[in-house]
């Protein structure tokens, strides 16, 4: 049946789409210029018959086309842009050539496809990513304010941690300038920080409220049984991973999250390097932040006990084994004088294994 199929590569943009149709039986390649409206593309694909398979790159075009095609009983897949094989000698890039390349790679089976989320999953994931974007904006705003104060010779000496209650009280009550330029600049920098903190709190409250009713309510409740994994961390990881069960082994989940070492092997020489950093960096950051708790001896505190209340005892047992394993791993690595950054990434890889075990538990 594959010999009679038509493989369609779609290079989708906001103002137009270039399509390349590869007929395997005849070897003929046809090109078309189309609108980017999903209805137009679905009508075009329907005219090719049921023995057609189309693909386009994940990106700003979203998943509207894939969902519209699925509703019309058509098979349209979405491929990962970062995993598309590239020709190092190719110096010409056009939309038509991109569409043709997608069609030929699809026919050769050389593409890696992404999971198409449901509408509800995408809505929650957008909220999770909005909170992550806001966190990055807040870090930049705080850095600008700190650098401004350092240039003016103002330094917070404590007590308390930076950006804690004492620090904010110091900023609002004790820092003052005499010249109008510095007064206006300081007021603007401080207002930006305060506004972003309020916006972050609003988004976090929305996520806390949505989590129990989200598509990953079960996974969030289970992952929250682990030390270092709060509700916000759990829903962030779940939103980026999607369906934990699509990974047949925990090592595949670790590879998806990009916390496995890169490798270059040739003949008898094998060399491993830094982690690949493939996949969603937001989920990878959350996982590594949670893994920093590995240096603490295993313990179930009051906060963790409240999160574990009413949960499956098997999940709590997995979380306890995870604490013991991560602490042992941390002790071994630090005894060898492994840098803390390397040790925590190794613990994050171990943590992902336990998270997968708890998430797929029947």
Protein backbone atom coordinates (compact mmCIF):
# COMPACT_ATOMS: atom_id res chain seq x y z
CA UNK A 1 0.00 0.00 0.00
CA UNK A 2 2.95 2.31 0.66
CA UNK A 3 3.83 2.14 -3.04
CA UNK A 4 0.52 3.79 -3.92
CA UNK A 5 0.61 6.53 -1.28
CA UNK A 6 1.08 10.23 -1.77
CA UNK A 7 3.33 12.02 0.70
CA UNK A 8 2.61 15.70 1.21
CA UNK A 9 5.02 18.23 2.69
CA UNK A 10 3.46 21.49 3.90
CA UNK A 11 5.48 24.61 4.66
CA UNK A 12 2.87 26.57 6.61
CA UNK A 13 3.15 30.31 7.22
CA UNK A 14 0.71 32.94 8.40
CA UNK A 15 0.08 34.34 4.90
CA UNK A 16 0.43 31.29 2.71
CA UNK A 17 1.41 27.65 2.45
CA UNK A 18 3.59 25.85 -0.05
CA UNK A 19 2.67 22.22 -0.64
CA UNK A 20 4.72 19.49 -2.30
CA UNK A 21 2.99 16.22 -3.24
CA UNK A 22 5.22 13.21 -3.89
CA UNK A 23 3.59 10.31 -5.73
CA UNK A 24 5.57 7.18 -4.83
CA UNK A 25 4.21 5.07 -7.69
CA UNK A 26 5.19 7.46 -10.49
CA UNK A 27 7.89 9.47 -8.70
CA UNK A 28 6.12 12.66 -9.77
CA UNK A 29 6.46 15.74 -7.57
CA UNK A 30 3.82 18.45 -7.75
CA UNK A 31 3.94 21.84 -6.08
CA UNK A 32 1.06 24.09 -5.06
CA UNK A 33 0.68 27.49 -3.44
CA UNK A 34 -2.26 27.58 -1.03
CA UNK A 35 -3.85 29.68 1.66
CA UNK A 36 -2.95 28.93 5.27
CA UNK A 37 -6.58 28.58 6.34
CA UNK A 38 -7.12 25.07 7.77
CA UNK A 39 -10.35 24.68 5.78
CA UNK A 40 -8.53 25.32 2.49
CA UNK A 41 -5.73 22.91 3.33
CA UNK A 42 -8.15 20.19 4.47
CA UNK A 43 -10.08 20.56 1.21
CA UNK A 44 -6.83 20.26 -0.76
CA UNK A 45 -5.78 17.14 1.14
CA UNK A 46 -9.22 15.59 0.76
CA UNK A 47 -8.87 15.89 -3.00
CA UNK A 48 -5.73 13.74 -2.90
CA UNK A 49 -7.65 10.72 -1.67
CA UNK A 50 -7.48 8.58 1.43
CA UNK A 51 -4.05 7.15 0.57
CA UNK A 52 -2.23 10.36 1.40
CA UNK A 53 -0.10 11.34 4.38
CA UNK A 54 0.82 14.96 5.10
CA UNK A 55 3.25 16.61 7.48
CA UNK A 56 4.19 20.12 8.57
CA UNK A 57 6.59 21.57 11.12
CA UNK A 58 5.56 22.43 14.65
CA UNK A 59 5.74 26.15 15.23
CA UNK A 60 3.65 29.33 15.24
CA UNK A 61 1.08 27.65 12.98
CA UNK A 62 -0.01 25.60 15.97
CA UNK A 63 -2.07 22.46 15.80
CA UNK A 64 -5.25 23.81 14.16
CA UNK A 65 -4.50 22.09 10.87
CA UNK A 66 -3.77 18.72 12.50
CA UNK A 67 -7.00 18.86 14.50
CA UNK A 68 -9.08 19.96 11.49
CA UNK A 69 -7.60 17.13 9.41
CA UNK A 70 -8.30 14.58 12.15
CA UNK A 71 -11.94 15.75 12.24
CA UNK A 72 -12.11 15.12 8.47
CA UNK A 73 -10.58 11.62 8.88
CA UNK A 74 -7.32 12.72 7.25
CA UNK A 75 -3.85 11.89 8.52
CA UNK A 76 -1.73 14.98 9.05
CA UNK A 77 1.30 14.73 11.31
CA UNK A 78 3.39 17.40 12.96
CA UNK A 79 7.17 16.96 12.98
CA UNK A 80 9.76 18.36 15.36
CA UNK A 81 11.75 21.13 13.59
CA UNK A 82 14.91 20.48 15.60
CA UNK A 83 15.04 16.83 14.51
CA UNK A 84 14.70 17.38 10.76
CA UNK A 85 17.86 16.12 9.01
CA UNK A 86 19.78 18.98 7.42
CA UNK A 87 22.08 19.02 4.42
CA UNK A 88 25.30 20.80 5.40
CA UNK A 89 25.99 21.66 1.76
CA UNK A 90 22.54 23.14 1.07
CA UNK A 91 22.88 26.92 0.79
CA UNK A 92 19.49 27.67 -0.79
CA UNK A 93 16.41 27.81 1.39
CA UNK A 94 12.95 28.55 0.02
CA UNK A 95 9.45 27.60 1.10
CA UNK A 96 9.02 25.38 -1.96
CA UNK A 97 12.27 23.52 -1.26
CA UNK A 98 11.32 23.12 2.41
CA UNK A 99 7.98 21.58 1.47
CA UNK A 100 9.66 19.23 -1.01
CA UNK A 101 12.23 18.18 1.59
CA UNK A 102 9.49 17.42 4.10
CA UNK A 103 7.67 15.25 1.57
CA UNK A 104 10.81 13.27 0.68
CA UNK A 105 11.84 12.81 4.33
CA UNK A 106 8.32 11.69 5.19
CA UNK A 107 8.43 9.07 2.44
CA UNK A 108 11.83 7.90 3.67
CA UNK A 109 10.65 7.67 7.29
CA UNK A 110 13.29 10.12 8.50
CA UNK A 111 11.04 12.47 10.49
CA UNK A 112 10.28 12.53 14.20
CA UNK A 113 6.74 13.52 15.10
CA UNK A 114 5.38 15.43 18.07
CA UNK A 115 2.28 14.62 20.06
CA UNK A 116 -0.71 16.79 19.15
CA UNK A 117 -2.26 18.01 22.42
CA UNK A 118 -5.96 18.43 22.95
CA UNK A 119 -7.43 21.93 23.02
CA UNK A 120 -7.77 21.81 26.81
CA UNK A 121 -4.19 20.59 27.22
CA UNK A 122 -2.88 23.38 25.01
CA UNK A 123 -4.83 25.99 26.98
CA UNK A 124 -3.31 24.87 30.30
CA UNK A 125 0.14 24.57 28.74
CA UNK A 126 -0.08 28.15 27.47
CA UNK A 127 -0.84 29.30 31.01
CA UNK A 128 2.15 27.34 32.32
CA UNK A 129 4.41 28.90 29.70
CA UNK A 130 3.02 32.36 30.41
CA UNK A 131 4.09 31.94 34.02
CA UNK A 132 7.55 30.81 32.88
CA UNK A 133 7.88 33.84 30.58
CA UNK A 134 6.86 36.08 33.46
CA UNK A 135 9.51 34.48 35.70
CA UNK A 136 12.19 35.31 33.11
CA UNK A 137 10.93 38.89 32.83
CA UNK A 138 11.03 39.25 36.61
CA UNK A 139 14.63 38.01 36.74
CA UNK A 140 15.64 40.60 34.14
CA UNK A 141 13.79 43.40 35.95
CA UNK A 142 15.44 42.49 39.25
CA UNK A 143 18.85 42.39 37.62
CA UNK A 144 18.34 45.83 36.08
CA UNK A 145 17.35 47.28 39.46
CA UNK A 146 20.29 45.62 41.23
CA UNK A 147 22.80 46.89 38.68
CA UNK A 148 21.34 50.39 38.90
CA UNK A 149 21.75 50.40 42.68
CA UNK A 150 25.32 49.08 42.45
CA UNK A 151 26.22 51.92 40.11
CA UNK A 152 24.90 54.32 42.77
CA UNK A 153 26.78 52.59 45.58
CA UNK A 154 23.66 51.17 47.27
CA UNK A 155 24.05 47.58 48.46
CA UNK A 156 21.69 45.47 50.57
CA UNK A 157 23.63 44.01 53.52
CA UNK A 158 20.77 42.11 55.19
CA UNK A 159 19.28 40.79 57.31
CA UNK A 160 17.30 38.38 55.17
CA UNK A 161 17.69 37.06 51.66
CA UNK A 162 17.64 39.11 48.49
CA UNK A 163 14.12 39.98 47.33
CA UNK A 164 12.65 38.80 50.61
CA UNK A 165 10.43 40.95 52.85
CA UNK A 166 13.38 42.75 54.47
CA UNK A 167 14.95 43.49 51.11
CA UNK A 168 11.71 44.91 49.70
CA UNK A 169 11.26 47.01 52.85
CA UNK A 170 14.79 48.35 52.40
CA UNK A 171 14.05 49.26 48.78
CA UNK A 172 10.79 51.05 49.49
CA UNK A 173 11.74 52.84 52.73
CA UNK A 174 15.48 53.36 52.97
CA UNK A 175 16.76 53.80 49.41
CA UNK A 176 16.46 57.40 48.26
CA UNK A 177 18.18 59.70 45.79
CA UNK A 178 18.45 63.46 45.55
CA UNK A 179 18.80 64.13 41.83
CA UNK A 180 15.59 63.96 39.77
CA UNK A 181 17.08 61.64 37.13
CA UNK A 182 18.01 58.94 39.64
CA UNK A 183 14.66 59.30 41.43
CA UNK A 184 12.73 58.73 38.20
CA UNK A 185 14.92 55.80 37.09
CA UNK A 186 14.73 54.09 40.50
CA UNK A 187 10.95 54.53 40.67
CA UNK A 188 10.53 52.97 37.22
CA UNK A 189 12.80 49.98 37.95
CA UNK A 190 11.11 49.33 41.30
CA UNK A 191 7.60 49.68 39.85
CA UNK A 192 8.47 47.14 37.15
CA UNK A 193 9.62 44.61 39.75
CA UNK A 194 6.55 45.10 41.95
CA UNK A 195 4.16 44.82 39.00
CA UNK A 196 5.79 41.60 37.77
CA UNK A 197 5.64 40.10 41.27
CA UNK A 198 1.91 40.81 41.41
CA UNK A 199 1.35 39.36 37.95
CA UNK A 200 3.33 36.25 38.88
CA UNK A 201 1.24 35.76 42.02
CA UNK A 202 -1.96 36.05 39.96
CA UNK A 203 -0.80 33.43 37.45
CA UNK A 204 0.37 31.08 40.20
CA UNK A 205 -3.00 31.38 41.95
CA UNK A 206 -4.74 30.57 38.66
CA UNK A 207 -2.54 27.52 38.16
CA UNK A 208 -3.16 26.31 41.71
CA UNK A 209 -6.90 26.60 41.09
CA UNK A 210 -6.82 24.94 37.66
CA UNK A 211 -4.48 22.06 38.56
CA UNK A 212 -7.11 19.80 40.22
CA UNK A 213 -9.37 20.21 37.15
CA UNK A 214 -6.68 20.03 34.49
CA UNK A 215 -6.17 17.09 32.10
CA UNK A 216 -3.22 16.07 34.30
CA UNK A 217 -4.98 16.21 37.66
CA UNK A 218 -3.96 12.62 38.50
CA UNK A 219 -0.34 13.14 37.45
CA UNK A 220 -0.09 16.45 39.34
CA UNK A 221 -1.41 14.86 42.54
CA UNK A 222 1.05 11.98 42.22
CA UNK A 223 4.11 14.05 41.34
CA UNK A 224 3.38 16.42 44.24
CA UNK A 225 4.13 13.51 46.60
CA UNK A 226 7.82 13.92 45.77
CA UNK A 227 10.04 16.24 47.79
CA UNK A 228 10.90 19.35 45.82
CA UNK A 229 7.95 18.94 43.45
CA UNK A 230 5.21 21.42 44.34
CA UNK A 231 1.90 21.73 42.53
CA UNK A 232 3.34 24.39 40.20
CA UNK A 233 6.34 22.21 39.39
CA UNK A 234 4.16 19.15 38.86
CA UNK A 235 1.75 20.84 36.48
CA UNK A 236 4.66 22.47 34.63
CA UNK A 237 6.38 19.12 34.02
CA UNK A 238 3.10 17.39 33.16
CA UNK A 239 2.09 20.10 30.69
CA UNK A 240 5.40 19.84 28.83
CA UNK A 241 5.57 16.02 28.85
CA UNK A 242 1.91 15.54 27.95
CA UNK A 243 1.28 11.82 28.29
CA UNK A 244 3.84 9.97 30.40
CA UNK A 245 2.58 6.62 29.10
CA UNK A 246 3.81 7.39 25.58
CA UNK A 247 7.33 6.72 26.86
CA UNK A 248 7.76 2.96 27.14
CA UNK A 249 10.78 3.29 29.43
CA UNK A 250 11.99 6.01 31.82
CA UNK A 251 15.21 6.36 29.84
CA UNK A 252 13.17 7.57 26.86
CA UNK A 253 11.59 10.22 29.06
CA UNK A 254 15.06 11.32 30.21
CA UNK A 255 16.16 11.54 26.58
CA UNK A 256 13.08 13.61 25.70
CA UNK A 257 13.84 16.01 28.55
CA UNK A 258 17.45 16.36 27.38
CA UNK A 259 19.13 15.26 30.63
CA UNK A 260 21.15 12.43 29.10
CA UNK A 261 24.80 12.90 28.08
CA UNK A 262 25.68 13.60 24.48
CA UNK A 263 27.89 11.03 22.82
CA UNK A 264 30.36 10.80 19.97
CA UNK A 265 31.46 7.26 19.18
CA UNK A 266 33.72 6.30 16.30
CA UNK A 267 35.39 2.91 15.90
CA UNK A 268 36.65 1.90 19.36
CA UNK A 269 36.65 5.42 20.72
CA UNK A 270 33.64 6.48 22.82
CA UNK A 271 33.33 9.97 24.22
CA UNK A 272 30.45 11.40 26.24
CA UNK A 273 29.91 15.08 26.78
CA UNK A 274 27.43 17.49 28.32
CA UNK A 275 23.73 16.76 28.40
CA UNK A 276 21.90 17.10 25.11
CA UNK A 277 19.45 19.78 26.35
CA UNK A 278 16.90 18.48 23.87
CA UNK A 279 13.18 18.83 24.43
CA UNK A 280 11.34 21.40 26.57
CA UNK A 281 13.80 23.48 28.57
CA UNK A 282 11.06 24.59 30.96
CA UNK A 283 10.45 21.02 32.13
CA UNK A 284 14.21 20.42 32.32
CA UNK A 285 14.69 23.49 34.53
CA UNK A 286 11.87 22.43 36.86
CA UNK A 287 13.30 18.94 37.13
CA UNK A 288 16.79 20.17 37.95
CA UNK A 289 15.46 22.64 40.53
CA UNK A 290 13.58 19.79 42.24
CA UNK A 291 16.72 17.63 42.17
CA UNK A 292 18.61 20.18 44.30
CA UNK A 293 16.78 18.70 47.31
CA UNK A 294 18.90 15.57 46.90
CA UNK A 295 21.60 16.91 49.25
CA UNK A 296 19.20 16.77 52.21
CA UNK A 297 18.77 13.51 54.18
CA UNK A 298 15.51 11.65 53.48
CA UNK A 299 12.65 13.10 55.49
CA UNK A 300 8.90 13.69 55.18
CA UNK A 301 8.17 17.16 56.53
CA UNK A 302 4.82 18.71 57.36
CA UNK A 303 4.36 20.35 53.96
CA UNK A 304 5.17 17.15 52.09
CA UNK A 305 2.95 15.15 54.45
CA UNK A 306 0.01 17.42 53.59
CA UNK A 307 0.64 16.94 49.87
CA UNK A 308 0.79 13.15 50.33
CA UNK A 309 -2.39 12.99 52.41
CA UNK A 310 -5.02 10.83 50.72
CA UNK A 311 -2.73 9.72 47.89
CA UNK A 312 -2.07 6.16 46.76
CA UNK A 313 0.33 4.52 49.29
CA UNK A 314 2.24 3.02 46.37
CA UNK A 315 3.03 6.52 45.09
CA UNK A 316 4.22 7.60 48.54
CA UNK A 317 6.45 4.51 48.67
CA UNK A 318 7.95 5.41 45.30
CA UNK A 319 8.55 8.98 46.52
CA UNK A 320 10.31 7.66 49.64
CA UNK A 321 12.53 5.36 47.57
CA UNK A 322 13.31 8.37 45.38
CA UNK A 323 14.50 10.40 48.37
CA UNK A 324 16.77 7.59 49.52
CA UNK A 325 18.17 6.95 46.05
CA UNK A 326 18.86 10.64 45.31
CA UNK A 327 20.52 11.22 48.67
CA UNK A 328 22.76 8.16 48.18
CA UNK A 329 23.61 9.30 44.66
CA UNK A 330 24.44 12.80 45.88
CA UNK A 331 26.71 11.47 48.62
CA UNK A 332 28.59 9.23 46.19
CA UNK A 333 29.10 11.98 43.63
CA UNK A 334 30.18 14.65 46.11
CA UNK A 335 32.58 12.16 47.74
CA UNK A 336 34.32 11.96 44.35
CA UNK A 337 34.45 15.78 44.28
CA UNK A 338 32.04 15.93 41.37
CA UNK A 339 30.95 19.53 40.71
CA UNK A 340 27.58 20.30 42.24
CA UNK A 341 26.08 21.21 38.86
CA UNK A 342 27.04 17.85 37.39
CA UNK A 343 25.80 16.00 40.47
CA UNK A 344 22.40 17.66 40.42
CA UNK A 345 21.89 16.83 36.75
CA UNK A 346 22.66 13.19 37.51
CA UNK A 347 20.12 13.32 40.34
CA UNK A 348 17.59 14.95 37.99
CA UNK A 349 17.96 11.99 35.65
CA UNK A 350 17.27 9.64 38.56
CA UNK A 351 14.31 11.78 39.63
CA UNK A 352 12.74 11.57 36.17
CA UNK A 353 12.81 7.78 36.46
CA UNK A 354 10.81 7.83 39.69
CA UNK A 355 8.40 10.45 38.36
CA UNK A 356 7.70 8.28 35.33
CA UNK A 357 7.12 5.24 37.57
CA UNK A 358 4.58 7.16 39.68
CA UNK A 359 2.82 8.78 36.71
CA UNK A 360 2.21 5.52 34.78
CA UNK A 361 1.19 3.53 37.85
CA UNK A 362 -2.12 1.72 37.28
